[in-house]
């Protein structure tokens, strides 16, 4: 790798109904697929992005939220530069388990790994008003309490902000990377 190239791994977790796969694929493939297929185990996608003066290859690891896969998930965390915890803004349970995800990370990853929280409203509500039960303020408050950065992605709008959390985490990972200060 040259001085201006980075390889970063971002793990995305959350309950299966959080539509993580749709979220990740929408970013990685720049497409909005109407078919939601739950992740069975892990789904790995890559995307190259130009970022500031760098060429960044992101390895996006969508780890299943099912309890059955709980023992396998930590093996996919190794080497991660950052984590995204996704929750469904229409599902209270998906927000309530966020502290459990944080506890899992603390158990298996380095303490300085970046973590962001993203509230998602899925495209399934495109033709009707979703019953949002988690406000932006509540999502932000939990993120603040846990020391995470907070984002929202509303697929019912014409231009969802799906890129923002990935770009933010990539930029922050490069800023704190020891390679940035020296050679690769």
C-alpha atoms as a PDB file:
ATOM      1  CA  UNK A   1       0.000   0.000   0.000  1.00  0.00           C
ATOM      2  CA  UNK A   2       1.190   3.502  -0.718  1.00  0.00           C
ATOM      3  CA  UNK A   3       1.287   6.316   1.793  1.00  0.00           C
ATOM      4  CA  UNK A   4      -2.118   7.548   0.604  1.00  0.00           C
ATOM      5  CA  UNK A   5      -3.945   4.211   0.740  1.00  0.00           C
ATOM      6  CA  UNK A   6      -5.799   2.717   3.670  1.00  0.00           C
ATOM      7  CA  UNK A   7      -7.573  -0.546   4.341  1.00  0.00           C
ATOM      8  CA  UNK A   8     -10.210  -0.216   7.059  1.00  0.00           C
ATOM      9  CA  UNK A   9     -12.631  -2.735   8.506  1.00  0.00           C
ATOM     10  CA  UNK A  10     -15.999  -1.538   9.795  1.00  0.00           C
ATOM     11  CA  UNK A  11     -18.308  -3.981  11.571  1.00  0.00           C
ATOM     12  CA  UNK A  12     -22.045  -3.289  11.461  1.00  0.00           C
ATOM     13  CA  UNK A  13     -24.223  -4.907  14.110  1.00  0.00           C
ATOM     14  CA  UNK A  14     -27.771  -4.650  15.432  1.00  0.00           C
ATOM     15  CA  UNK A  15     -30.893  -6.740  15.574  1.00  0.00           C
ATOM     16  CA  UNK A  16     -31.851  -8.449  12.323  1.00  0.00           C
ATOM     17  CA  UNK A  17     -34.966  -6.363  11.837  1.00  0.00           C
ATOM     18  CA  UNK A  18     -32.834  -3.222  11.807  1.00  0.00           C
ATOM     19  CA  UNK A  19     -32.303  -3.677   8.080  1.00  0.00           C
ATOM     20  CA  UNK A  20     -28.539  -3.551   8.433  1.00  0.00           C
ATOM     21  CA  UNK A  21     -27.984  -5.481   5.229  1.00  0.00           C
ATOM     22  CA  UNK A  22     -30.080  -2.999   3.275  1.00  0.00           C
ATOM     23  CA  UNK A  23     -28.194  -0.134   4.917  1.00  0.00           C
ATOM     24  CA  UNK A  24     -24.748  -1.603   4.197  1.00  0.00           C
ATOM     25  CA  UNK A  25     -25.590  -2.612   0.621  1.00  0.00           C
ATOM     26  CA  UNK A  26     -27.095   0.801  -0.065  1.00  0.00           C
ATOM     27  CA  UNK A  27     -23.760   2.338   0.810  1.00  0.00           C
ATOM     28  CA  UNK A  28     -21.455  -0.275  -0.715  1.00  0.00           C
ATOM     29  CA  UNK A  29     -23.333  -0.825  -3.937  1.00  0.00           C
ATOM     30  CA  UNK A  30     -25.034   2.564  -4.213  1.00  0.00           C
ATOM     31  CA  UNK A  31     -28.344   0.816  -4.705  1.00  0.00           C
ATOM     32  CA  UNK A  32     -31.624   0.627  -2.892  1.00  0.00           C
ATOM     33  CA  UNK A  33     -32.881  -2.920  -3.114  1.00  0.00           C
ATOM     34  CA  UNK A  34     -36.491  -3.530  -2.068  1.00  0.00           C
ATOM     35  CA  UNK A  35     -35.723  -7.106  -0.999  1.00  0.00           C
ATOM     36  CA  UNK A  36     -34.636  -7.516   2.610  1.00  0.00           C
ATOM     37  CA  UNK A  37     -32.788 -10.728   3.356  1.00  0.00           C
ATOM     38  CA  UNK A  38     -31.602 -11.328   6.926  1.00  0.00           C
ATOM     39  CA  UNK A  39     -27.907 -11.929   7.413  1.00  0.00           C
ATOM     40  CA  UNK A  40     -27.125 -15.512   8.319  1.00  0.00           C
ATOM     41  CA  UNK A  41     -23.835 -15.368  10.155  1.00  0.00           C
ATOM     42  CA  UNK A  42     -21.902 -12.647   8.378  1.00  0.00           C
ATOM     43  CA  UNK A  43     -22.063 -10.730   5.125  1.00  0.00           C
ATOM     44  CA  UNK A  44     -18.811  -9.109   3.933  1.00  0.00           C
ATOM     45  CA  UNK A  45     -18.829  -6.322   1.361  1.00  0.00           C
ATOM     46  CA  UNK A  46     -16.091  -3.973   0.180  1.00  0.00           C
ATOM     47  CA  UNK A  47     -16.132  -0.465  -1.191  1.00  0.00           C
ATOM     48  CA  UNK A  48     -13.346   1.836  -2.326  1.00  0.00           C
ATOM     49  CA  UNK A  49     -13.817   5.508  -1.603  1.00  0.00           C
ATOM     50  CA  UNK A  50     -11.713   8.599  -2.151  1.00  0.00           C
ATOM     51  CA  UNK A  51     -11.443  10.428   1.160  1.00  0.00           C
ATOM     52  CA  UNK A  52      -9.604  13.713   1.458  1.00  0.00           C
ATOM     53  CA  UNK A  53      -6.173  12.891  -0.030  1.00  0.00           C
ATOM     54  CA  UNK A  54      -6.520   9.151   0.514  1.00  0.00           C
ATOM     55  CA  UNK A  55      -7.802   6.129  -1.339  1.00  0.00           C
ATOM     56  CA  UNK A  56      -9.650   3.992   1.192  1.00  0.00           C
ATOM     57  CA  UNK A  57     -10.822   0.417   0.810  1.00  0.00           C
ATOM     58  CA  UNK A  58     -13.508  -0.362   3.357  1.00  0.00           C
ATOM     59  CA  UNK A  59     -14.250  -3.925   4.383  1.00  0.00           C
ATOM     60  CA  UNK A  60     -17.815  -3.859   5.676  1.00  0.00           C
ATOM     61  CA  UNK A  61     -18.706  -6.756   7.940  1.00  0.00           C
ATOM     62  CA  UNK A  62     -22.440  -7.135   8.605  1.00  0.00           C
ATOM     63  CA  UNK A  63     -22.575  -9.456  11.620  1.00  0.00           C
ATOM     64  CA  UNK A  64     -25.906 -11.143  12.359  1.00  0.00           C
ATOM     65  CA  UNK A  65     -27.783 -10.066  15.435  1.00  0.00           C
ATOM     66  CA  UNK A  66     -29.407 -13.426  16.145  1.00  0.00           C
ATOM     67  CA  UNK A  67     -28.416 -14.850  19.512  1.00  0.00           C
ATOM     68  CA  UNK A  68     -27.554 -18.148  17.787  1.00  0.00           C
ATOM     69  CA  UNK A  69     -24.639 -16.388  16.061  1.00  0.00           C
ATOM     70  CA  UNK A  70     -23.526 -14.580  19.231  1.00  0.00           C
ATOM     71  CA  UNK A  71     -20.578 -16.894  19.815  1.00  0.00           C
ATOM     72  CA  UNK A  72     -19.334 -16.457  16.243  1.00  0.00           C
ATOM     73  CA  UNK A  73     -19.610 -12.659  16.041  1.00  0.00           C
ATOM     74  CA  UNK A  74     -16.483 -11.784  18.068  1.00  0.00           C
ATOM     75  CA  UNK A  75     -14.283 -13.667  15.619  1.00  0.00           C
ATOM     76  CA  UNK A  76     -15.318 -11.132  12.953  1.00  0.00           C
ATOM     77  CA  UNK A  77     -14.441  -8.178  15.183  1.00  0.00           C
ATOM     78  CA  UNK A  78     -10.690  -8.783  15.094  1.00  0.00           C
ATOM     79  CA  UNK A  79      -8.855  -6.042  13.264  1.00  0.00           C
ATOM     80  CA  UNK A  80     -11.869  -3.732  13.081  1.00  0.00           C
ATOM     81  CA  UNK A  81     -11.141  -0.023  12.818  1.00  0.00           C
ATOM     82  CA  UNK A  82     -14.697   0.917  13.771  1.00  0.00           C
ATOM     83  CA  UNK A  83     -18.183  -0.331  14.613  1.00  0.00           C
ATOM     84  CA  UNK A  84     -21.631   0.852  13.620  1.00  0.00           C
ATOM     85  CA  UNK A  85     -24.532  -0.184  15.821  1.00  0.00           C
ATOM     86  CA  UNK A  86     -27.765   0.076  13.845  1.00  0.00           C
ATOM     87  CA  UNK A  87     -31.217   0.287  15.367  1.00  0.00           C
ATOM     88  CA  UNK A  88     -34.688   0.626  13.888  1.00  0.00           C
ATOM     89  CA  UNK A  89     -36.358   3.889  14.912  1.00  0.00           C
ATOM     90  CA  UNK A  90     -39.723   2.118  14.784  1.00  0.00           C
ATOM     91  CA  UNK A  91     -38.673  -0.670  17.170  1.00  0.00           C
ATOM     92  CA  UNK A  92     -37.998   0.134  20.846  1.00  0.00           C
ATOM     93  CA  UNK A  93     -36.313  -3.232  21.497  1.00  0.00           C
ATOM     94  CA  UNK A  94     -33.618  -2.510  18.915  1.00  0.00           C
ATOM     95  CA  UNK A  95     -32.574   0.597  20.865  1.00  0.00           C
ATOM     96  CA  UNK A  96     -32.859  -1.078  24.258  1.00  0.00           C
ATOM     97  CA  UNK A  97     -30.186  -3.657  23.332  1.00  0.00           C
ATOM     98  CA  UNK A  98     -27.576  -1.085  22.252  1.00  0.00           C
ATOM     99  CA  UNK A  99     -25.849  -1.213  25.680  1.00  0.00           C
ATOM    100  CA  UNK A 100     -25.536  -4.995  25.228  1.00  0.00           C
ATOM    101  CA  UNK A 101     -23.673  -4.415  21.951  1.00  0.00           C
ATOM    102  CA  UNK A 102     -21.381  -1.966  23.717  1.00  0.00           C
ATOM    103  CA  UNK A 103     -20.696  -4.538  26.462  1.00  0.00           C
ATOM    104  CA  UNK A 104     -19.872  -7.161  23.814  1.00  0.00           C
ATOM    105  CA  UNK A 105     -17.395  -4.806  22.131  1.00  0.00           C
ATOM    106  CA  UNK A 106     -15.731  -3.958  25.432  1.00  0.00           C
ATOM    107  CA  UNK A 107     -15.239  -7.655  26.033  1.00  0.00           C
ATOM    108  CA  UNK A 108     -13.692  -8.463  22.636  1.00  0.00           C
ATOM    109  CA  UNK A 109     -12.114  -5.347  21.090  1.00  0.00           C
ATOM    110  CA  UNK A 110      -9.573  -2.674  21.963  1.00  0.00           C
ATOM    111  CA  UNK A 111     -10.986   0.187  24.047  1.00  0.00           C
ATOM    112  CA  UNK A 112     -10.010   2.861  21.502  1.00  0.00           C
ATOM    113  CA  UNK A 113     -12.040   1.399  18.618  1.00  0.00           C
ATOM    114  CA  UNK A 114     -14.458   3.934  17.158  1.00  0.00           C
ATOM    115  CA  UNK A 115     -18.178   3.278  17.612  1.00  0.00           C
ATOM    116  CA  UNK A 116     -21.120   5.111  16.054  1.00  0.00           C
ATOM    117  CA  UNK A 117     -24.849   4.632  16.515  1.00  0.00           C
ATOM    118  CA  UNK A 118     -27.240   4.926  13.570  1.00  0.00           C
ATOM    119  CA  UNK A 119     -31.036   5.086  13.746  1.00  0.00           C
ATOM    120  CA  UNK A 120     -32.696   3.739  10.604  1.00  0.00           C
ATOM    121  CA  UNK A 121     -36.171   4.167   9.164  1.00  0.00           C
ATOM    122  CA  UNK A 122     -36.524   1.482   6.508  1.00  0.00           C
ATOM    123  CA  UNK A 123     -37.755   1.892   2.955  1.00  0.00           C
ATOM    124  CA  UNK A 124     -40.722  -0.371   3.731  1.00  0.00           C
ATOM    125  CA  UNK A 125     -42.436   2.809   5.004  1.00  0.00           C
ATOM    126  CA  UNK A 126     -41.906   4.690   1.732  1.00  0.00           C
ATOM    127  CA  UNK A 127     -45.629   4.828   0.902  1.00  0.00           C
ATOM    128  CA  UNK A 128     -46.926   5.355   4.424  1.00  0.00           C
ATOM    129  CA  UNK A 129     -45.945   7.252   7.524  1.00  0.00           C
ATOM    130  CA  UNK A 130     -43.823   5.089   9.851  1.00  0.00           C
ATOM    131  CA  UNK A 131     -44.764   4.908  13.502  1.00  0.00           C
ATOM    132  CA  UNK A 132     -41.547   6.341  14.858  1.00  0.00           C
ATOM    133  CA  UNK A 133     -41.210   5.465  18.516  1.00  0.00           C
ATOM    134  CA  UNK A 134     -37.644   6.667  19.021  1.00  0.00           C
ATOM    135  CA  UNK A 135     -37.004  10.365  18.557  1.00  0.00           C
ATOM    136  CA  UNK A 136     -33.796  11.886  17.267  1.00  0.00           C
ATOM    137  CA  UNK A 137     -33.256  13.363  20.721  1.00  0.00           C
ATOM    138  CA  UNK A 138     -33.559   9.947  22.402  1.00  0.00           C
ATOM    139  CA  UNK A 139     -31.113   8.337  19.969  1.00  0.00           C
ATOM    140  CA  UNK A 140     -28.692  11.238  20.435  1.00  0.00           C
ATOM    141  CA  UNK A 141     -29.016  11.052  24.235  1.00  0.00           C
ATOM    142  CA  UNK A 142     -28.102   7.358  24.279  1.00  0.00           C
ATOM    143  CA  UNK A 143     -25.171   7.957  21.935  1.00  0.00           C
ATOM    144  CA  UNK A 144     -23.944  10.788  24.170  1.00  0.00           C
ATOM    145  CA  UNK A 145     -24.290   8.623  27.279  1.00  0.00           C
ATOM    146  CA  UNK A 146     -22.225   5.841  25.682  1.00  0.00           C
ATOM    147  CA  UNK A 147     -19.685   8.190  24.074  1.00  0.00           C
ATOM    148  CA  UNK A 148     -20.747   7.352  20.495  1.00  0.00           C
ATOM    149  CA  UNK A 149     -21.366   9.616  17.529  1.00  0.00           C
ATOM    150  CA  UNK A 150     -25.002   9.547  16.375  1.00  0.00           C
ATOM    151  CA  UNK A 151     -26.420   9.411  12.849  1.00  0.00           C
ATOM    152  CA  UNK A 152     -29.809   8.804  11.284  1.00  0.00           C
ATOM    153  CA  UNK A 153     -30.703   7.304   7.935  1.00  0.00           C
ATOM    154  CA  UNK A 154     -34.259   7.681   6.695  1.00  0.00           C
ATOM    155  CA  UNK A 155     -34.895   5.595   3.586  1.00  0.00           C
ATOM    156  CA  UNK A 156     -38.331   7.181   3.198  1.00  0.00           C
ATOM    157  CA  UNK A 157     -36.692  10.418   2.051  1.00  0.00           C
ATOM    158  CA  UNK A 158     -35.479  10.865  -1.491  1.00  0.00           C
ATOM    159  CA  UNK A 159     -31.810  11.116  -0.507  1.00  0.00           C
ATOM    160  CA  UNK A 160     -30.956   9.092   2.599  1.00  0.00           C
ATOM    161  CA  UNK A 161     -27.783   9.987   4.466  1.00  0.00           C
ATOM    162  CA  UNK A 162     -26.377   6.463   4.186  1.00  0.00           C
ATOM    163  CA  UNK A 163     -22.794   7.547   3.375  1.00  0.00           C
ATOM    164  CA  UNK A 164     -22.317   9.872   6.334  1.00  0.00           C
ATOM    165  CA  UNK A 165     -21.614   7.341   9.137  1.00  0.00           C
ATOM    166  CA  UNK A 166     -19.194   5.305   7.004  1.00  0.00           C
ATOM    167  CA  UNK A 167     -17.288   8.392   5.817  1.00  0.00           C
ATOM    168  CA  UNK A 168     -17.133   9.772   9.351  1.00  0.00           C
ATOM    169  CA  UNK A 169     -15.748   6.524  10.795  1.00  0.00           C
ATOM    170  CA  UNK A 170     -13.233   6.128   7.950  1.00  0.00           C
ATOM    171  CA  UNK A 171     -12.001   9.688   8.388  1.00  0.00           C
ATOM    172  CA  UNK A 172     -11.661   9.289  12.177  1.00  0.00           C
ATOM    173  CA  UNK A 173      -9.905   5.915  11.812  1.00  0.00           C
ATOM    174  CA  UNK A 174      -7.359   7.478   9.462  1.00  0.00           C
ATOM    175  CA  UNK A 175      -6.827  10.416  11.839  1.00  0.00           C
ATOM    176  CA  UNK A 176      -5.901   8.115  14.714  1.00  0.00           C
ATOM    177  CA  UNK A 177      -4.060   5.567  12.574  1.00  0.00           C
ATOM    178  CA  UNK A 178      -0.406   5.081  13.485  1.00  0.00           C
ATOM    179  CA  UNK A 179       0.319   4.639   9.762  1.00  0.00           C
ATOM    180  CA  UNK A 180      -0.730   8.220   9.090  1.00  0.00           C
ATOM    181  CA  UNK A 181       2.212   9.395  11.126  1.00  0.00           C
ATOM    182  CA  UNK A 182       4.698   7.171   9.301  1.00  0.00           C
ATOM    183  CA  UNK A 183       4.997   4.544   6.665  1.00  0.00           C
ATOM    184  CA  UNK A 184       2.674   1.634   5.804  1.00  0.00           C
END
